[in-house]
Amino acid sequence: MNSVVDASFGGETLKRDSVKTVIFASMIGTAIEFLISMLMEPLLLLIFRRSSFLKLHRQLLLF
């Protein structure tokens, strides 16, 4: 007898191994998304700081 069905996603029944694979893949995806967000925030802040600094510098040069 096949392994017992544990969960159903969108009407499709998944076996126990498939459920473990889906959970593992979602955990990896969440970790990658977290790392990307941690890296992007300082980069965006740096870009915005530089652009605002350049605008301020241009305004000072106009005087």
PDB file of N, CA and C in Angstrom:
ATOM      1  N   MET A   1       0.837  -1.182   0.000  1.00  0.00           N
ATOM      2  CA  MET A   1       0.000   0.000   0.000  1.00  0.00           C
ATOM      3  C   MET A   1       0.884   1.249   0.000  1.00  0.00           C
ATOM      4  N   ASN A   2       0.472   2.230  -0.768  1.00  0.00           N
ATOM      5  CA  ASN A   2       1.247   3.468  -0.863  1.00  0.00           C
ATOM      6  C   ASN A   2       1.169   4.254   0.432  1.00  0.00           C
ATOM      7  N   SER A   3       2.074   5.224   0.556  1.00  0.00           N
ATOM      8  CA  SER A   3       2.076   6.032   1.776  1.00  0.00           C
ATOM      9  C   SER A   3       0.786   6.843   1.875  1.00  0.00           C
ATOM     10  N   VAL A   4       0.422   7.153   3.078  1.00  0.00           N
ATOM     11  CA  VAL A   4      -0.839   7.835   3.339  1.00  0.00           C
ATOM     12  C   VAL A   4      -0.760   9.275   2.850  1.00  0.00           C
ATOM     13  N   VAL A   5      -1.858   9.739   2.274  1.00  0.00           N
ATOM     14  CA  VAL A   5      -1.915  11.117   1.801  1.00  0.00           C
ATOM     15  C   VAL A   5      -2.001  12.045   3.003  1.00  0.00           C
ATOM     16  N   ASP A   6      -1.105  13.029   3.048  1.00  0.00           N
ATOM     17  CA  ASP A   6      -1.027  13.925   4.208  1.00  0.00           C
ATOM     18  C   ASP A   6      -1.729  15.256   3.986  1.00  0.00           C
ATOM     19  N   ALA A   7      -1.663  15.791   2.791  1.00  0.00           N
ATOM     20  CA  ALA A   7      -2.206  17.130   2.571  1.00  0.00           C
ATOM     21  C   ALA A   7      -2.694  17.252   1.144  1.00  0.00           C
ATOM     22  N   SER A   8      -3.503  18.231   0.897  1.00  0.00           N
ATOM     23  CA  SER A   8      -3.912  18.513  -0.472  1.00  0.00           C
ATOM     24  C   SER A   8      -3.732  19.996  -0.728  1.00  0.00           C
ATOM     25  N   PHE A   9      -3.109  20.326  -1.850  1.00  0.00           N
ATOM     26  CA  PHE A   9      -2.883  21.706  -2.253  1.00  0.00           C
ATOM     27  C   PHE A   9      -3.585  21.921  -3.581  1.00  0.00           C
ATOM     28  N   GLY A  10      -4.539  22.812  -3.615  1.00  0.00           N
ATOM     29  CA  GLY A  10      -5.228  23.129  -4.862  1.00  0.00           C
ATOM     30  C   GLY A  10      -5.937  21.935  -5.462  1.00  0.00           C
ATOM     31  N   GLY A  11      -6.449  21.039  -4.650  1.00  0.00           N
ATOM     32  CA  GLY A  11      -7.180  19.886  -5.153  1.00  0.00           C
ATOM     33  C   GLY A  11      -6.297  18.704  -5.498  1.00  0.00           C
ATOM     34  N   GLU A  12      -4.983  18.888  -5.530  1.00  0.00           N
ATOM     35  CA  GLU A  12      -4.084  17.773  -5.829  1.00  0.00           C
ATOM     36  C   GLU A  12      -3.606  17.162  -4.518  1.00  0.00           C
ATOM     37  N   THR A  13      -3.669  15.854  -4.444  1.00  0.00           N
ATOM     38  CA  THR A  13      -3.196  15.193  -3.233  1.00  0.00           C
ATOM     39  C   THR A  13      -1.707  14.910  -3.365  1.00  0.00           C
ATOM     40  N   LEU A  14      -0.985  15.160  -2.309  1.00  0.00           N
ATOM     41  CA  LEU A  14       0.460  14.960  -2.300  1.00  0.00           C
ATOM     42  C   LEU A  14       0.819  13.904  -1.268  1.00  0.00           C
ATOM     43  N   LYS A  15       1.762  13.068  -1.616  1.00  0.00           N
ATOM     44  CA  LYS A  15       2.210  12.048  -0.669  1.00  0.00           C
ATOM     45  C   LYS A  15       3.172  12.659   0.341  1.00  0.00           C
ATOM     46  N   ARG A  16       3.518  11.900   1.340  1.00  0.00           N
ATOM     47  CA  ARG A  16       4.327  12.409   2.451  1.00  0.00           C
ATOM     48  C   ARG A  16       5.665  12.984   1.968  1.00  0.00           C
ATOM     49  N   ASP A  17       6.345  12.291   1.062  1.00  0.00           N
ATOM     50  CA  ASP A  17       7.634  12.785   0.557  1.00  0.00           C
ATOM     51  C   ASP A  17       7.460  14.095  -0.204  1.00  0.00           C
ATOM     52  N   SER A  18       6.381  14.195  -0.960  1.00  0.00           N
ATOM     53  CA  SER A  18       6.135  15.423  -1.709  1.00  0.00           C
ATOM     54  C   SER A  18       5.868  16.584  -0.767  1.00  0.00           C
ATOM     55  N   VAL A  19       5.151  16.326   0.318  1.00  0.00           N
ATOM     56  CA  VAL A  19       4.878  17.384   1.293  1.00  0.00           C
ATOM     57  C   VAL A  19       6.178  17.853   1.923  1.00  0.00           C
ATOM     58  N   LYS A  20       7.066  16.919   2.254  1.00  0.00           N
ATOM     59  CA  LYS A  20       8.361  17.303   2.821  1.00  0.00           C
ATOM     60  C   LYS A  20       9.160  18.139   1.827  1.00  0.00           C
ATOM     61  N   THR A  21       9.102  17.763   0.553  1.00  0.00           N
ATOM     62  CA  THR A  21       9.822  18.512  -0.472  1.00  0.00           C
ATOM     63  C   THR A  21       9.269  19.923  -0.608  1.00  0.00           C
ATOM     64  N   VAL A  22       7.944  20.054  -0.597  1.00  0.00           N
ATOM     65  CA  VAL A  22       7.327  21.376  -0.720  1.00  0.00           C
ATOM     66  C   VAL A  22       7.697  22.249   0.474  1.00  0.00           C
ATOM     67  N   ILE A  23       7.654  21.692   1.666  1.00  0.00           N
ATOM     68  CA  ILE A  23       7.995  22.461   2.867  1.00  0.00           C
ATOM     69  C   ILE A  23       9.463  22.876   2.837  1.00  0.00           C
ATOM     70  N   PHE A  24      10.349  21.953   2.440  1.00  0.00           N
ATOM     71  CA  PHE A  24      11.777  22.252   2.367  1.00  0.00           C
ATOM     72  C   PHE A  24      12.051  23.344   1.337  1.00  0.00           C
ATOM     73  N   ALA A  25      11.397  23.248   0.174  1.00  0.00           N
ATOM     74  CA  ALA A  25      11.600  24.252  -0.873  1.00  0.00           C
ATOM     75  C   ALA A  25      11.092  25.616  -0.430  1.00  0.00           C
ATOM     76  N   SER A  26       9.972  25.643   0.275  1.00  0.00           N
ATOM     77  CA  SER A  26       9.456  26.937   0.733  1.00  0.00           C
ATOM     78  C   SER A  26      10.360  27.536   1.802  1.00  0.00           C
ATOM     79  N   MET A  27      10.964  26.691   2.642  1.00  0.00           N
ATOM     80  CA  MET A  27      11.902  27.199   3.645  1.00  0.00           C
ATOM     81  C   MET A  27      13.139  27.786   2.980  1.00  0.00           C
ATOM     82  N   ILE A  28      13.648  27.107   1.954  1.00  0.00           N
ATOM     83  CA  ILE A  28      14.813  27.623   1.231  1.00  0.00           C
ATOM     84  C   ILE A  28      14.460  28.938   0.538  1.00  0.00           C
ATOM     85  N   GLY A  29      13.275  28.996  -0.079  1.00  0.00           N
ATOM     86  CA  GLY A  29      12.837  30.222  -0.741  1.00  0.00           C
ATOM     87  C   GLY A  29      12.714  31.381   0.222  1.00  0.00           C
ATOM     88  N   THR A  30      12.190  31.102   1.413  1.00  0.00           N
ATOM     89  CA  THR A  30      12.054  32.149   2.424  1.00  0.00           C
ATOM     90  C   THR A  30      13.423  32.639   2.883  1.00  0.00           C
ATOM     91  N   ALA A  31      14.366  31.719   3.057  1.00  0.00           N
ATOM     92  CA  ALA A  31      15.716  32.106   3.480  1.00  0.00           C
ATOM     93  C   ALA A  31      16.400  32.958   2.413  1.00  0.00           C
ATOM     94  N   ILE A  32      16.245  32.581   1.146  1.00  0.00           N
ATOM     95  CA  ILE A  32      16.853  33.349   0.058  1.00  0.00           C
ATOM     96  C   ILE A  32      16.222  34.739  -0.023  1.00  0.00           C
ATOM     97  N   GLU A  33      14.894  34.802   0.117  1.00  0.00           N
ATOM     98  CA  GLU A  33      14.211  36.092   0.086  1.00  0.00           C
ATOM     99  C   GLU A  33      14.676  36.987   1.233  1.00  0.00           C
ATOM    100  N   PHE A  34      14.873  36.403   2.401  1.00  0.00           N
ATOM    101  CA  PHE A  34      15.344  37.168   3.556  1.00  0.00           C
ATOM    102  C   PHE A  34      16.747  37.718   3.306  1.00  0.00           C
ATOM    103  N   LEU A  35      17.631  36.885   2.757  1.00  0.00           N
ATOM    104  CA  LEU A  35      18.994  37.345   2.479  1.00  0.00           C
ATOM    105  C   LEU A  35      19.012  38.459   1.445  1.00  0.00           C
ATOM    106  N   ILE A  36      18.183  38.329   0.407  1.00  0.00           N
ATOM    107  CA  ILE A  36      18.132  39.367  -0.622  1.00  0.00           C
ATOM    108  C   ILE A  36      17.635  40.676  -0.028  1.00  0.00           C
ATOM    109  N   SER A  37      16.611  40.600   0.821  1.00  0.00           N
ATOM    110  CA  SER A  37      16.095  41.834   1.421  1.00  0.00           C
ATOM    111  C   SER A  37      17.132  42.460   2.349  1.00  0.00           C
ATOM    112  N   MET A  38      17.907  41.631   3.049  1.00  0.00           N
ATOM    113  CA  MET A  38      18.941  42.167   3.936  1.00  0.00           C
ATOM    114  C   MET A  38      20.046  42.851   3.132  1.00  0.00           C
ATOM    115  N   LEU A  39      20.325  42.361   1.934  1.00  0.00           N
ATOM    116  CA  LEU A  39      21.364  42.967   1.109  1.00  0.00           C
ATOM    117  C   LEU A  39      20.855  44.180   0.344  1.00  0.00           C
ATOM    118  N   MET A  40      19.581  44.170  -0.049  1.00  0.00           N
ATOM    119  CA  MET A  40      19.065  45.250  -0.881  1.00  0.00           C
ATOM    120  C   MET A  40      18.821  46.526  -0.086  1.00  0.00           C
ATOM    121  N   GLU A  41      18.431  46.402   1.176  1.00  0.00           N
ATOM    122  CA  GLU A  41      18.103  47.600   1.958  1.00  0.00           C
ATOM    123  C   GLU A  41      19.293  48.552   2.096  1.00  0.00           C
ATOM    124  N   PRO A  42      20.485  48.086   2.510  1.00  0.00           N
ATOM    125  CA  PRO A  42      21.625  49.017   2.585  1.00  0.00           C
ATOM    126  C   PRO A  42      22.035  49.560   1.221  1.00  0.00           C
ATOM    127  N   LEU A  43      21.895  48.737   0.184  1.00  0.00           N
ATOM    128  CA  LEU A  43      22.250  49.194  -1.158  1.00  0.00           C
ATOM    129  C   LEU A  43      21.327  50.321  -1.606  1.00  0.00           C
ATOM    130  N   LEU A  44      20.018  50.159  -1.374  1.00  0.00           N
ATOM    131  CA  LEU A  44      19.076  51.215  -1.742  1.00  0.00           C
ATOM    132  C   LEU A  44      19.304  52.474  -0.921  1.00  0.00           C
ATOM    133  N   LEU A  45      19.594  52.314   0.364  1.00  0.00           N
ATOM    134  CA  LEU A  45      19.880  53.486   1.196  1.00  0.00           C
ATOM    135  C   LEU A  45      21.115  54.222   0.692  1.00  0.00           C
ATOM    136  N   LEU A  46      22.130  53.467   0.288  1.00  0.00           N
ATOM    137  CA  LEU A  46      23.345  54.083  -0.239  1.00  0.00           C
ATOM    138  C   LEU A  46      23.050  54.850  -1.524  1.00  0.00           C
ATOM    139  N   ILE A  47      22.242  54.256  -2.405  1.00  0.00           N
ATOM    140  CA  ILE A  47      21.895  54.927  -3.662  1.00  0.00           C
ATOM    141  C   ILE A  47      21.127  56.212  -3.384  1.00  0.00           C
ATOM    142  N   PHE A  48      20.134  56.141  -2.484  1.00  0.00           N
ATOM    143  CA  PHE A  48      19.342  57.331  -2.191  1.00  0.00           C
ATOM    144  C   PHE A  48      20.185  58.400  -1.510  1.00  0.00           C
ATOM    145  N   ARG A  49      21.091  58.001  -0.640  1.00  0.00           N
ATOM    146  CA  ARG A  49      21.957  58.980   0.015  1.00  0.00           C
ATOM    147  C   ARG A  49      22.846  59.674  -1.001  1.00  0.00           C
ATOM    148  N   ARG A  50      23.389  58.887  -1.927  1.00  0.00           N
ATOM    149  CA  ARG A  50      24.266  59.493  -2.932  1.00  0.00           C
ATOM    150  C   ARG A  50      23.488  60.423  -3.843  1.00  0.00           C
ATOM    151  N   SER A  51      22.287  60.008  -4.245  1.00  0.00           N
ATOM    152  CA  SER A  51      21.515  60.867  -5.147  1.00  0.00           C
ATOM    153  C   SER A  51      21.102  62.153  -4.439  1.00  0.00           C
ATOM    154  N   SER A  52      20.702  62.068  -3.166  1.00  0.00           N
ATOM    155  CA  SER A  52      20.333  63.288  -2.442  1.00  0.00           C
ATOM    156  C   SER A  52      21.574  64.144  -2.192  1.00  0.00           C
ATOM    157  N   PHE A  53      22.716  63.501  -1.969  1.00  0.00           N
ATOM    158  CA  PHE A  53      23.961  64.255  -1.792  1.00  0.00           C
ATOM    159  C   PHE A  53      24.329  64.992  -3.078  1.00  0.00           C
ATOM    160  N   LEU A  54      24.146  64.327  -4.228  1.00  0.00           N
ATOM    161  CA  LEU A  54      24.456  64.984  -5.497  1.00  0.00           C
ATOM    162  C   LEU A  54      23.519  66.155  -5.751  1.00  0.00           C
ATOM    163  N   LYS A  55      22.242  66.011  -5.408  1.00  0.00           N
ATOM    164  CA  LYS A  55      21.302  67.123  -5.577  1.00  0.00           C
ATOM    165  C   LYS A  55      21.699  68.294  -4.691  1.00  0.00           C
ATOM    166  N   LEU A  56      22.064  68.009  -3.448  1.00  0.00           N
ATOM    167  CA  LEU A  56      22.480  69.065  -2.531  1.00  0.00           C
ATOM    168  C   LEU A  56      23.751  69.740  -3.042  1.00  0.00           C
ATOM    169  N   HIS A  57      24.679  68.951  -3.553  1.00  0.00           N
ATOM    170  CA  HIS A  57      25.929  69.488  -4.077  1.00  0.00           C
ATOM    171  C   HIS A  57      25.657  70.395  -5.279  1.00  0.00           C
ATOM    172  N   ARG A  58      24.750  69.984  -6.163  1.00  0.00           N
ATOM    173  CA  ARG A  58      24.395  70.816  -7.317  1.00  0.00           C
ATOM    174  C   ARG A  58      23.756  72.125  -6.869  1.00  0.00           C
ATOM    175  N   GLN A  59      22.889  72.053  -5.855  1.00  0.00           N
ATOM    176  CA  GLN A  59      22.253  73.276  -5.361  1.00  0.00           C
ATOM    177  C   GLN A  59      23.293  74.221  -4.764  1.00  0.00           C
ATOM    178  N   LEU A  60      24.273  73.664  -4.070  1.00  0.00           N
ATOM    179  CA  LEU A  60      25.319  74.509  -3.498  1.00  0.00           C
ATOM    180  C   LEU A  60      26.186  75.126  -4.587  1.00  0.00           C
ATOM    181  N   LEU A  61      26.392  74.408  -5.690  1.00  0.00           N
ATOM    182  CA  LEU A  61      27.187  74.951  -6.786  1.00  0.00           C
ATOM    183  C   LEU A  61      26.457  76.065  -7.514  1.00  0.00           C
ATOM    184  N   LEU A  62      25.132  76.066  -7.464  1.00  0.00           N
ATOM    185  CA  LEU A  62      24.367  77.101  -8.155  1.00  0.00           C
ATOM    186  C   LEU A  62      24.482  78.452  -7.470  1.00  0.00           C
ATOM    187  N   PHE A  63      24.781  78.472  -6.191  1.00  0.00           N
ATOM    188  CA  PHE A  63      24.854  79.752  -5.468  1.00  0.00           C
ATOM    189  C   PHE A  63      26.102  80.515  -5.815  1.00  0.00           C
TER     190      PHE A  63
END
